[in-house]
Structure formats: C-alpha cells, structure tokens
Amino acid sequence: MDRLKKQLDFIIEIDKVKNIMRKTRLFDGSRRENDSEHSWHIALMAFILSEFSNEKIDISKVIKMLLIHDIPEIYAGDTFLYSPDRSAKSEEKEKEAACKIFGMLPEDQKNELLGLWVEFEKKETKEAKFAAVLDRLEPLMQNYLTKGMTWKEFNIKFDQVINANKHIEKGSLKLWEYAKSIINESVEKGYLGKS
C-alpha cells in the first residue's frame, strides 16, 4: 500500500502541470497553452513524425521523455525560451524541482523518471535529440500559424529564433529544413522581425 500511496500522491501532484501557462498560444491563437497540453501534443507529434529522426530511436522512450520533461516546472515555473533569465541558476532550480517531484515516487520509478528527465535536458542521446526536436518544433509552428503572436508580443527577432532552435538539426535534418522554411517565411510575411 505504501508504493500505491506514493504513486497516487505523485499522480495527484502532477495535475498541477495543467496550471503552468506557457507564452506560446494554441495553433488557433485563442489562448496560451499550458504545460500539459504542450507535453501531450509533442508526445503525439513524436509518434507521428518518428520516421524523420536522424537515427533509429526507441519511440517509447522519447514519448516518456516528452510526457515528463516539463513536470518540474510545477515547482520551478516556466522560463520563456527567449528570456534573458534563462541561466545556470534557473537550470539548478529546475533540477532541484525534478528531484523533489520525482522523489515522491517509489525508488525505482523515481530513478527512471529522473534519469529520463536528465537525459532529455542533456540532449546527448539519439532519443533526447529527437525529443528536443518536437519540444522546439511545436512552438515554431504555433508562432507561424498565429502570425507570430508570441514573437511580436515579446519583440523576438530572426537570430534569436535560429539560435534557440538550431539544435533541431541534430535530431532531424528533415524537420530542421521544415523549421527553417517556416522561420524564413515568417520573416517574409512580417510575423518575425529581422535581426
């Protein structure tokens, strides 16, 4: 019963991820997306787009990474990708939050989820590289489809977008080509400012 209680307490606690609002908007632009919507969406994108990974991957592992990657934001909060506040200090805060929330689970599950989270953050394995592709691709698509709503709101420029997203290439050359095409088209259409 102790194992079950820990698991249920964790499940109840992670419901809070639904209240972590991101800066990006839904594809229809109607409102900001929350972390749980983002995680679900990119996990499904990974499944659908897995054929475009640069390497053969364990898609189940990728999906697990994507479903849990933002859970520590329950305690650490969401830091906007283009924020000057993104630093080693915010990374340390997220790591502490990850240890705390995954630490609610029985030891074996804590170790698995914390390990997947660390692997995702390092972006060194083929699964983590591909997971990072989807984590960045969805917000690019959101901005493109909303005519740059978030980019315009925060005065984001072309160079910032390229620099923050160029690692997509390490996980998928094909999806990086697509990403570059919508970034360039966004500049042409005035959705994204030139640097």
Protein backbone atom coordinates (compact mmCIF):
# COMPACT_ATOMS: atom_id res chain seq x y z
CA MET A 1 0.00 0.00 0.00
CA ASP A 2 2.94 2.37 0.64
CA ARG A 3 4.01 2.03 -3.03
CA LEU A 4 0.49 2.69 -4.27
CA LYS A 5 0.10 5.71 -1.97
CA LYS A 6 3.34 7.24 -3.29
CA GLN A 7 2.22 6.67 -6.87
CA LEU A 8 -1.23 8.16 -6.28
CA ASP A 9 0.21 11.15 -4.40
CA PHE A 10 2.51 11.79 -7.39
CA ILE A 11 -0.39 11.48 -9.84
CA ILE A 12 -2.40 13.99 -7.82
CA GLU A 13 0.56 16.38 -7.56
CA ILE A 14 1.33 16.39 -11.29
CA ASP A 15 -2.21 17.57 -12.02
CA LYS A 16 -0.75 21.00 -11.19
CA VAL A 17 1.14 20.97 -14.50
CA LYS A 18 -2.18 21.90 -16.11
CA ASN A 19 -1.89 25.31 -14.42
CA ILE A 20 1.59 26.15 -15.76
CA MET A 21 0.92 28.55 -18.61
CA ARG A 22 3.38 28.95 -21.45
CA LYS A 23 3.99 32.07 -23.54
CA THR A 24 3.03 30.34 -26.80
CA ARG A 25 -0.54 30.17 -28.00
CA LEU A 26 -2.61 27.31 -29.37
CA PHE A 27 -2.49 26.86 -33.14
CA ASP A 28 -5.75 28.80 -33.44
CA GLY A 29 -4.34 31.67 -31.35
CA SER A 30 -7.31 31.64 -28.98
CA ARG A 31 -5.31 31.38 -25.73
CA ARG A 32 -1.99 30.46 -24.20
CA GLU A 33 -1.09 26.79 -24.00
CA ASN A 34 -0.43 25.06 -20.68
CA ASP A 35 2.41 22.62 -19.99
CA SER A 36 0.22 19.52 -20.00
CA GLU A 37 -1.22 20.39 -23.42
CA HIS A 38 2.27 21.04 -24.74
CA SER A 39 3.61 17.72 -23.40
CA TRP A 40 0.69 15.71 -24.76
CA HIS A 41 0.91 17.40 -28.16
CA ILE A 42 4.63 16.91 -28.67
CA ALA A 43 4.46 13.30 -27.45
CA LEU A 44 1.90 12.61 -30.16
CA MET A 45 3.98 14.57 -32.69
CA ALA A 46 6.96 12.36 -31.83
CA PHE A 47 4.95 9.23 -32.52
CA ILE A 48 3.62 10.60 -35.83
CA LEU A 49 6.94 12.10 -37.02
CA SER A 50 9.38 9.47 -35.70
CA GLU A 51 10.29 8.38 -39.24
CA PHE A 52 12.11 11.71 -39.62
CA SER A 53 14.58 11.09 -36.81
CA ASN A 54 18.19 11.14 -38.00
CA GLU A 55 18.72 7.78 -36.27
CA LYS A 56 16.64 4.77 -35.35
CA ILE A 57 15.12 5.54 -31.95
CA ASP A 58 13.18 3.91 -29.14
CA ILE A 59 9.96 5.88 -29.64
CA SER A 60 8.51 4.70 -26.33
CA LYS A 61 11.47 6.29 -24.52
CA VAL A 62 11.05 9.53 -26.49
CA ILE A 63 7.35 9.70 -25.61
CA LYS A 64 8.11 9.12 -21.92
CA MET A 65 10.67 11.94 -22.01
CA LEU A 66 8.21 14.32 -23.60
CA LEU A 67 5.40 13.47 -21.21
CA ILE A 68 7.56 14.20 -18.15
CA HIS A 69 10.02 16.88 -19.35
CA ASP A 70 8.04 19.88 -18.03
CA ILE A 71 6.74 18.32 -14.78
CA PRO A 72 9.47 20.04 -12.68
CA GLU A 73 8.00 23.37 -13.78
CA ILE A 74 5.26 22.75 -11.20
CA TYR A 75 7.82 23.94 -8.63
CA ALA A 76 10.33 25.83 -10.81
CA GLY A 77 7.90 27.65 -13.11
CA ASP A 78 8.22 28.04 -16.87
CA THR A 79 11.07 30.16 -18.19
CA PHE A 80 10.38 31.61 -21.64
CA LEU A 81 12.80 30.25 -24.24
CA TYR A 82 13.92 33.74 -25.26
CA SER A 83 14.09 35.16 -21.75
CA PRO A 84 17.33 36.71 -20.52
CA ASP A 85 16.52 34.95 -17.20
CA ARG A 86 17.47 31.56 -18.66
CA SER A 87 20.65 30.78 -16.79
CA ALA A 88 22.55 28.16 -14.85
CA LYS A 89 20.62 29.36 -11.79
CA SER A 90 17.25 28.57 -13.40
CA GLU A 91 18.64 25.20 -14.56
CA GLU A 92 19.68 24.42 -10.98
CA LYS A 93 16.22 25.41 -9.75
CA GLU A 94 14.64 23.02 -12.27
CA LYS A 95 16.97 20.20 -11.22
CA GLU A 96 16.01 20.68 -7.56
CA ALA A 97 12.34 20.69 -8.59
CA ALA A 98 12.83 17.47 -10.60
CA CYS A 99 14.45 15.73 -7.63
CA LYS A 100 11.62 16.87 -5.38
CA ILE A 101 8.69 15.87 -7.56
CA PHE A 102 10.10 12.61 -8.93
CA GLY A 103 11.26 11.86 -5.39
CA MET A 104 7.61 11.40 -4.43
CA LEU A 105 7.61 8.09 -6.33
CA PRO A 106 8.87 4.69 -5.22
CA GLU A 107 12.66 4.49 -5.68
CA ASP A 108 12.64 2.52 -8.97
CA GLN A 109 10.17 4.88 -10.65
CA LYS A 110 11.90 7.95 -9.20
CA ASN A 111 15.19 6.78 -10.69
CA GLU A 112 13.63 6.03 -14.08
CA LEU A 113 11.82 9.36 -14.44
CA LEU A 114 14.64 11.45 -13.03
CA GLY A 115 17.04 9.63 -15.36
CA LEU A 116 14.81 10.33 -18.37
CA TRP A 117 14.48 13.98 -17.36
CA VAL A 118 18.27 14.41 -17.02
CA GLU A 119 18.81 12.63 -20.34
CA PHE A 120 16.32 14.96 -22.03
CA GLU A 121 17.99 18.04 -20.54
CA LYS A 122 21.46 16.98 -21.71
CA LYS A 123 20.27 16.30 -25.28
CA GLU A 124 23.13 13.86 -25.98
CA THR A 125 21.40 10.55 -26.79
CA LYS A 126 19.57 9.96 -30.05
CA GLU A 127 16.24 9.79 -28.17
CA ALA A 128 16.89 13.04 -26.31
CA LYS A 129 17.96 14.79 -29.51
CA PHE A 130 14.74 13.76 -31.24
CA ALA A 131 12.62 14.67 -28.20
CA ALA A 132 14.23 18.12 -28.28
CA VAL A 133 13.19 18.47 -31.93
CA LEU A 134 9.50 18.26 -31.03
CA ASP A 135 9.88 20.46 -27.94
CA ARG A 136 11.09 23.25 -30.23
CA LEU A 137 9.11 22.48 -33.39
CA GLU A 138 5.68 22.86 -31.82
CA PRO A 139 6.27 26.47 -30.62
CA LEU A 140 7.70 27.37 -34.04
CA MET A 141 4.55 26.03 -35.67
CA GLN A 142 2.38 27.86 -33.12
CA ASN A 143 4.07 31.15 -33.91
CA TYR A 144 3.87 30.57 -37.63
CA LEU A 145 0.18 29.64 -37.52
CA THR A 146 -0.71 32.59 -35.24
CA LYS A 147 1.15 35.04 -37.49
CA GLY A 148 3.90 35.46 -34.93
CA MET A 149 1.71 36.39 -31.95
CA THR A 150 4.24 35.47 -29.26
CA TRP A 151 7.25 36.64 -31.28
CA LYS A 152 5.60 40.02 -31.82
CA GLU A 153 4.44 40.32 -28.21
CA PHE A 154 8.00 39.85 -26.93
CA ASN A 155 9.81 41.53 -29.85
CA ILE A 156 11.67 38.36 -30.82
CA LYS A 157 13.98 38.53 -33.84
CA PHE A 158 15.16 36.08 -36.50
CA ASP A 159 18.63 35.47 -34.99
CA GLN A 160 17.12 34.64 -31.59
CA VAL A 161 14.80 32.08 -33.15
CA ILE A 162 17.54 30.46 -35.24
CA ASN A 163 19.98 30.30 -32.31
CA ALA A 164 17.41 28.84 -29.89
CA ASN A 165 16.25 26.21 -32.36
CA LYS A 166 19.27 25.19 -34.46
CA HIS A 167 19.78 22.03 -32.38
CA ILE A 168 16.71 20.61 -34.18
CA GLU A 169 19.16 19.62 -36.91
CA LYS A 170 20.91 17.19 -34.53
CA GLY A 171 17.72 15.18 -34.14
CA SER A 172 16.13 15.57 -37.57
CA LEU A 173 17.59 17.13 -40.70
CA LYS A 174 14.21 16.92 -42.44
CA LEU A 175 12.32 18.68 -39.63
CA TRP A 176 15.08 21.31 -39.38
CA GLU A 177 14.58 22.06 -43.09
CA TYR A 178 10.85 22.46 -42.41
CA ALA A 179 11.54 24.64 -39.36
CA LYS A 180 13.90 26.91 -41.33
CA SER A 181 11.32 27.24 -44.10
CA ILE A 182 8.60 28.47 -41.72
CA ILE A 183 11.06 30.75 -39.91
CA ASN A 184 12.14 32.33 -43.20
CA GLU A 185 8.55 32.60 -44.40
CA SER A 186 7.64 34.23 -41.08
CA VAL A 187 10.22 36.94 -41.73
CA GLU A 188 8.93 37.45 -45.29
CA LYS A 189 5.33 37.74 -44.04
CA GLY A 190 6.24 40.08 -41.17
CA TYR A 191 5.46 37.60 -38.39
CA LEU A 192 9.06 37.67 -37.17
CA GLY A 193 11.38 40.66 -37.08
CA LYS A 194 14.68 40.67 -38.91
CA SER A 195 17.75 40.84 -36.68
